[in-house]
Amino acid sequence: MIDLKRNSKKIPVKAPGHRTRSTSIYTPNQATDFKISRSKFSDFLTCPRCFYLDRVRGLDPPGTPGWTLNETTDLLLKKEFDQCREAQVPHRLFSAYGLDHVVPFKHEEMDTWRNSLHGGLKLRHKDTNIVLGGGIDDIWQDTHTKELIIVDYKSQAKNRSVDPVEYLEDPYHEGYLTQMDFYAYLLSGMGFAVHPTAYFLVCNADRSKEDFNKAMHFEEALVPYQWDSSWIGSEVDRMIALMNQREIPAPNESCKNCAYAEQYSQALHPQTEEKVIEEPQTQQLGFRGYLKTLLSGETADNRKP
């Protein structure tokens, strides 16, 4: 999409193409604290080059419009669960899933943890200056074990009912799983006992209705996920090493942003010599395999025969 920069009065102004707030730009090997959100960590996993140009070089990429309908669903769900949180009673959904022993977690920091812009869960990574953070949708508690249960609200509109296995195996939901693993890493690091099962509360809009009539109807489903945060720490270490280097890293060859930037540059400044395009490593290794070799510094150019 084409994104225009606008001022507070929504009038188009000149777009500088780079960030103006110094606290959002990381200087390699800086000593002061620097915050990395869950979404930026996901950016690192998706495309190291885009992440580096954003966080270290300060480039300001085009934005996307807000998902106001999804945000409204989240807001209303939070209000509903807050009623149960105040009374410390199970939500109406819980009984059908055998969760009568679960209640929304009541804690004085809950509103702060759910504020992704000005709060969120926070954890310093080991002895570094990197502070990891992320705004969580909700936290429930197992009243038997006192363990905390991570919850994320998701809204969608599909013709079929939600199938838990299919939902978790959907390639487009891979980032959702990373999100849960990351939150578990933060909460565990903050000293809380975290239940091994997290839940996606999926609200699936019903498209079979004959008319709109000022209302949308949703199917609600809980999708259990056995989170695994064992890999997070090592990937954060790789991310920090990347941020402390001076060289711009290689892109994910499936990254459309990088491909567009390359083609855009060639269109403005055509080269006289044509480049030989090799088969993308993502096709040779698969995305996870490519990502693993990319983050380890091993590419098609330096792998030993």
Protein backbone atom coordinates (compact mmCIF):
# COMPACT_ATOMS: atom_id res chain seq x y z
CA MET A 1 0.00 0.00 0.00
CA ILE A 2 1.02 3.66 -0.41
CA ASP A 3 1.29 5.32 2.99
CA LEU A 4 1.23 9.11 3.38
CA LYS A 5 2.75 10.78 6.43
CA ARG A 6 0.30 13.12 8.12
CA ASN A 7 0.53 15.54 11.03
CA SER A 8 -1.76 15.69 14.06
CA LYS A 9 -4.36 17.49 11.94
CA LYS A 10 -4.23 14.64 9.41
CA ILE A 11 -2.70 16.92 6.78
CA PRO A 12 -0.06 15.28 4.53
CA VAL A 13 3.48 16.46 5.35
CA LYS A 14 6.92 15.59 4.02
CA ALA A 15 7.95 12.07 4.96
CA PRO A 16 11.63 12.02 6.10
CA GLY A 17 11.96 8.25 5.67
CA HIS A 18 13.77 7.90 8.98
CA ARG A 19 12.81 8.00 12.63
CA THR A 20 13.13 11.28 14.50
CA ARG A 21 12.92 9.88 18.05
CA SER A 22 16.45 8.92 19.09
CA THR A 23 15.27 6.49 21.77
CA SER A 24 13.83 4.23 19.05
CA ILE A 25 17.23 3.91 17.32
CA TYR A 26 19.90 1.59 18.66
CA THR A 27 23.59 2.45 18.40
CA PRO A 28 25.81 -0.65 18.12
CA ASN A 29 27.35 -1.50 21.50
CA GLN A 30 25.53 1.29 23.31
CA ALA A 31 25.51 1.05 27.12
CA THR A 32 22.11 2.58 27.86
CA ASP A 33 18.96 0.48 28.06
CA PHE A 34 17.06 -0.22 24.86
CA LYS A 35 13.58 -1.70 24.61
CA ILE A 36 12.66 -4.42 22.17
CA SER A 37 8.99 -5.29 21.84
CA ARG A 38 7.51 -8.67 21.00
CA SER A 39 6.60 -7.39 17.53
CA LYS A 40 10.16 -6.21 16.84
CA PHE A 41 11.53 -9.56 17.96
CA SER A 42 9.16 -11.17 15.46
CA ASP A 43 10.47 -8.77 12.81
CA PHE A 44 13.98 -10.01 13.56
CA LEU A 45 12.92 -13.62 13.07
CA THR A 46 11.07 -12.77 9.86
CA CYS A 47 13.70 -10.62 8.15
CA PRO A 48 16.99 -9.64 9.84
CA ARG A 49 17.67 -6.92 7.27
CA CYS A 50 14.33 -5.15 7.73
CA PHE A 51 14.73 -5.39 11.50
CA TYR A 52 18.28 -3.97 11.39
CA LEU A 53 17.39 -1.09 9.08
CA ASP A 54 14.49 -0.23 11.37
CA ARG A 55 16.05 -0.51 14.83
CA VAL A 56 19.72 0.31 14.08
CA ARG A 57 19.69 2.52 10.99
CA GLY A 58 16.44 4.22 11.97
CA LEU A 59 14.57 3.81 8.70
CA ASP A 60 10.85 4.45 9.03
CA PRO A 61 8.99 1.88 6.90
CA PRO A 62 5.50 2.46 5.48
CA GLY A 63 2.76 1.69 7.97
CA THR A 64 -0.49 -0.22 7.77
CA PRO A 65 -3.94 0.92 8.88
CA GLY A 66 -5.18 -0.10 12.30
CA TRP A 67 -7.39 -3.16 12.64
CA THR A 68 -10.21 -1.31 14.39
CA LEU A 69 -12.77 -4.14 14.23
CA ASN A 70 -10.28 -6.60 15.73
CA GLU A 71 -9.31 -4.05 18.38
CA THR A 72 -13.00 -3.58 19.25
CA THR A 73 -13.44 -7.34 19.70
CA ASP A 74 -10.41 -7.36 22.02
CA LEU A 75 -11.72 -4.39 23.99
CA LEU A 76 -15.15 -5.94 24.54
CA LEU A 77 -13.62 -9.28 25.52
CA LYS A 78 -11.40 -7.57 28.06
CA LYS A 79 -14.42 -5.83 29.58
CA GLU A 80 -16.25 -9.15 29.79
CA PHE A 81 -13.33 -10.97 31.39
CA ASP A 82 -12.74 -8.09 33.79
CA GLN A 83 -16.20 -8.66 35.23
CA CYS A 84 -15.23 -12.26 35.99
CA ARG A 85 -11.83 -11.07 37.23
CA GLU A 86 -13.41 -8.74 39.77
CA ALA A 87 -15.78 -11.46 41.03
CA GLN A 88 -13.10 -14.19 40.70
CA VAL A 89 -15.48 -16.57 38.93
CA PRO A 90 -14.94 -18.70 35.79
CA HIS A 91 -15.95 -17.19 32.47
CA ARG A 92 -19.00 -18.63 30.68
CA LEU A 93 -16.71 -20.33 28.11
CA PHE A 94 -14.72 -22.32 30.62
CA SER A 95 -17.20 -25.04 31.51
CA ALA A 96 -17.39 -26.43 27.95
CA TYR A 97 -13.59 -26.89 27.98
CA GLY A 98 -13.28 -28.40 31.44
CA LEU A 99 -11.84 -25.21 32.91
CA ASP A 100 -14.21 -24.67 35.82
CA HIS A 101 -11.15 -24.38 38.07
CA VAL A 102 -9.80 -21.40 36.09
CA VAL A 103 -10.50 -17.70 36.74
CA PRO A 104 -9.12 -14.50 35.18
CA PHE A 105 -5.97 -13.54 37.07
CA LYS A 106 -6.41 -10.58 39.41
CA HIS A 107 -3.30 -8.45 39.82
CA GLU A 108 -2.68 -4.76 40.39
CA GLU A 109 -0.41 -4.59 37.32
CA MET A 110 -2.90 -6.20 34.92
CA ASP A 111 -3.85 -2.96 33.14
CA THR A 112 -0.17 -2.08 32.77
CA TRP A 113 0.69 -5.53 31.38
CA ARG A 114 -2.09 -5.18 28.79
CA ASN A 115 -0.92 -1.74 27.63
CA SER A 116 1.42 -2.52 24.74
CA LEU A 117 2.26 1.15 24.05
CA HIS A 118 3.03 2.44 27.54
CA GLY A 119 3.46 -0.68 29.63
CA GLY A 120 3.42 -4.39 28.91
CA LEU A 121 5.34 -7.25 30.47
CA LYS A 122 9.00 -6.30 30.89
CA LEU A 123 12.15 -8.35 31.37
CA ARG A 124 15.81 -7.45 31.15
CA HIS A 125 17.59 -10.04 29.02
CA LYS A 126 20.28 -11.62 31.18
CA ASP A 127 22.93 -8.99 32.06
CA THR A 128 22.50 -6.94 28.88
CA ASN A 129 21.02 -3.49 28.28
CA ILE A 130 18.17 -5.00 26.26
CA VAL A 131 14.76 -4.84 27.92
CA LEU A 132 12.19 -7.13 26.34
CA GLY A 133 8.52 -6.20 26.48
CA GLY A 134 5.09 -7.02 25.17
CA GLY A 135 1.45 -6.17 25.83
CA ILE A 136 -0.50 -9.31 26.69
CA ASP A 137 -4.23 -9.71 25.99
CA ASP A 138 -5.12 -11.58 29.15
CA ILE A 139 -3.87 -13.88 31.89
CA TRP A 140 -5.96 -16.53 33.65
CA GLN A 141 -5.06 -18.59 36.70
CA ASP A 142 -5.44 -22.24 37.56
CA THR A 143 -6.91 -22.12 41.07
CA HIS A 144 -5.54 -25.61 41.84
CA THR A 145 -1.89 -25.06 40.93
CA LYS A 146 -1.85 -21.21 41.05
CA GLU A 147 -0.06 -21.26 37.68
CA LEU A 148 -0.73 -18.41 35.26
CA ILE A 149 -2.30 -19.15 31.89
CA ILE A 150 -1.36 -17.00 28.90
CA VAL A 151 -4.26 -15.96 26.68
CA ASP A 152 -4.37 -14.21 23.33
CA TYR A 153 -7.54 -13.02 21.60
CA LYS A 154 -7.79 -13.55 17.85
CA SER A 155 -10.53 -12.44 15.44
CA GLN A 156 -11.13 -13.87 11.99
CA ALA A 157 -13.85 -14.60 9.44
CA LYS A 158 -13.76 -18.05 7.88
CA ASN A 159 -16.53 -20.26 6.54
CA ARG A 160 -15.50 -23.29 8.58
CA SER A 161 -15.55 -23.78 12.32
CA VAL A 162 -12.24 -23.46 14.15
CA ASP A 163 -10.24 -26.69 14.16
CA PRO A 164 -7.48 -26.52 16.83
CA VAL A 165 -4.94 -28.66 14.94
CA GLU A 166 -5.51 -26.85 11.67
CA TYR A 167 -5.33 -23.50 13.45
CA LEU A 168 -1.95 -24.19 15.02
CA GLU A 169 -0.49 -25.73 11.85
CA ASP A 170 -1.50 -22.84 9.60
CA PRO A 171 1.75 -21.28 8.27
CA TYR A 172 0.19 -17.82 8.62
CA HIS A 173 -0.24 -18.47 12.34
CA GLU A 174 3.42 -19.26 12.99
CA GLY A 175 3.87 -15.77 14.39
CA TYR A 176 1.04 -16.43 16.84
CA LEU A 177 2.97 -19.34 18.34
CA THR A 178 6.10 -17.22 18.62
CA GLN A 179 3.99 -14.63 20.40
CA MET A 180 2.88 -17.16 23.03
CA ASP A 181 6.41 -18.52 23.51
CA PHE A 182 7.69 -14.97 23.98
CA TYR A 183 5.07 -14.07 26.59
CA ALA A 184 5.80 -17.30 28.47
CA TYR A 185 9.51 -16.37 28.44
CA LEU A 186 8.73 -12.94 29.89
CA LEU A 187 6.32 -14.12 32.58
CA SER A 188 8.63 -16.95 33.65
CA GLY A 189 11.56 -14.54 33.78
CA MET A 190 9.48 -12.18 35.93
CA GLY A 191 9.21 -14.95 38.52
CA PHE A 192 5.75 -16.33 37.84
CA ALA A 193 4.85 -20.00 37.54
CA VAL A 194 3.34 -20.38 34.06
CA HIS A 195 0.96 -23.19 33.11
CA PRO A 196 2.30 -25.29 30.21
CA THR A 197 -0.91 -24.74 28.23
CA ALA A 198 -1.74 -21.35 26.77
CA TYR A 199 -4.96 -20.53 24.92
CA PHE A 200 -5.99 -18.66 21.81
CA LEU A 201 -9.53 -17.37 22.21
CA VAL A 202 -10.60 -17.30 18.56
CA CYS A 203 -13.67 -15.31 17.54
CA ASN A 204 -14.74 -16.50 14.11
CA ALA A 205 -17.32 -14.29 12.34
CA ASP A 206 -20.30 -16.18 10.91
CA ARG A 207 -20.62 -15.43 7.19
CA SER A 208 -23.65 -17.64 6.67
CA LYS A 209 -26.19 -15.12 7.98
CA GLU A 210 -28.73 -13.80 5.49
CA ASP A 211 -28.19 -10.16 6.37
CA PHE A 212 -26.10 -7.80 8.48
CA ASN A 213 -28.92 -6.04 10.37
CA LYS A 214 -26.47 -4.05 12.49
CA ALA A 215 -24.87 -7.13 14.06
CA MET A 216 -22.09 -9.64 13.45
CA HIS A 217 -22.32 -13.08 15.01
CA PHE A 218 -19.22 -14.95 16.18
CA GLU A 219 -18.33 -18.51 17.01
CA GLU A 220 -16.03 -18.61 20.04
CA ALA A 221 -13.38 -21.31 20.40
CA LEU A 222 -10.50 -21.97 22.76
CA VAL A 223 -7.43 -23.38 21.02
CA PRO A 224 -4.91 -24.87 23.49
CA TYR A 225 -1.21 -24.47 22.75
CA GLN A 226 1.69 -26.11 24.56
CA TRP A 227 4.16 -23.27 24.56
CA ASP A 228 7.93 -23.70 24.35
CA SER A 229 10.15 -20.79 25.34
CA SER A 230 13.40 -22.78 25.42
CA TRP A 231 14.55 -21.27 22.12
CA ILE A 232 13.79 -17.62 22.90
CA GLY A 233 16.93 -16.80 24.89
CA SER A 234 19.37 -17.97 22.22
CA GLU A 235 17.49 -16.09 19.50
CA VAL A 236 17.55 -12.90 21.58
CA ASP A 237 21.32 -13.38 21.91
CA ARG A 238 21.55 -13.60 18.11
CA MET A 239 19.38 -10.53 17.77
CA ILE A 240 21.62 -8.52 20.09
CA ALA A 241 24.74 -9.66 18.21
CA LEU A 242 23.09 -8.50 14.99
CA MET A 243 22.25 -5.12 16.50
CA ASN A 244 25.85 -4.66 17.60
CA GLN A 245 27.34 -5.25 14.17
CA ARG A 246 28.05 -2.49 11.66
CA GLU A 247 27.26 -4.42 8.50
CA ILE A 248 23.74 -4.56 7.08
CA PRO A 249 22.69 -8.23 7.22
CA ALA A 250 21.40 -10.34 4.37
CA PRO A 251 17.64 -10.35 3.87
CA ASN A 252 15.20 -13.20 4.05
CA GLU A 253 14.89 -14.02 0.36
CA SER A 254 11.13 -14.40 0.80
CA CYS A 255 10.80 -10.86 2.18
CA LYS A 256 8.61 -8.85 -0.17
CA ASN A 257 9.75 -5.57 1.41
CA CYS A 258 13.38 -6.29 0.55
CA ALA A 259 12.49 -7.54 -2.92
CA TYR A 260 10.42 -4.42 -3.59
CA ALA A 261 13.24 -2.16 -2.35
CA GLU A 262 15.70 -3.95 -4.65
CA GLN A 263 13.44 -3.67 -7.68
CA TYR A 264 12.61 -0.06 -6.85
CA SER A 265 16.31 0.80 -6.68
CA GLN A 266 17.03 -0.98 -9.98
CA ALA A 267 14.15 0.81 -11.69
CA LEU A 268 15.51 4.20 -10.64
CA HIS A 269 19.16 3.29 -11.23
CA PRO A 270 19.26 0.54 -13.89
CA GLN A 271 22.42 -1.54 -13.99
CA THR A 272 24.23 -2.33 -17.21
CA GLU A 273 25.03 -5.88 -16.13
CA GLU A 274 22.33 -8.39 -15.35
CA LYS A 275 22.66 -10.32 -12.12
CA VAL A 276 22.37 -14.10 -12.08
CA ILE A 277 19.54 -15.03 -9.75
CA GLU A 278 20.17 -18.26 -7.90
CA GLU A 279 17.48 -20.50 -6.51
CA PRO A 280 16.36 -18.95 -3.21
CA GLN A 281 17.64 -20.73 -0.13
CA THR A 282 14.09 -20.73 1.19
CA GLN A 283 13.20 -23.15 -1.61
CA GLN A 284 16.21 -25.34 -0.92
CA LEU A 285 15.88 -25.49 2.85
CA GLY A 286 12.35 -24.41 3.72
CA PHE A 287 11.70 -21.26 5.74
CA ARG A 288 12.72 -22.61 9.14
CA GLY A 289 15.88 -24.16 7.73
CA TYR A 290 16.75 -20.98 5.87
CA LEU A 291 16.08 -18.88 8.97
CA LYS A 292 18.31 -21.12 11.06
CA THR A 293 21.25 -20.86 8.65
CA LEU A 294 20.70 -17.14 8.17
CA LEU A 295 20.76 -16.38 11.88
CA SER A 296 23.83 -18.56 12.37
CA GLY A 297 25.68 -16.62 9.66
CA GLU A 298 25.80 -19.61 7.31
CA THR A 299 24.62 -18.80 3.78
CA ALA A 300 24.83 -20.41 0.38
CA ASP A 301 28.00 -18.39 -0.24
CA ASN A 302 29.96 -19.59 2.79
CA ARG A 303 28.74 -23.13 3.34
CA LYS A 304 31.52 -25.67 2.91
CA PRO A 305 31.15 -28.08 -0.04
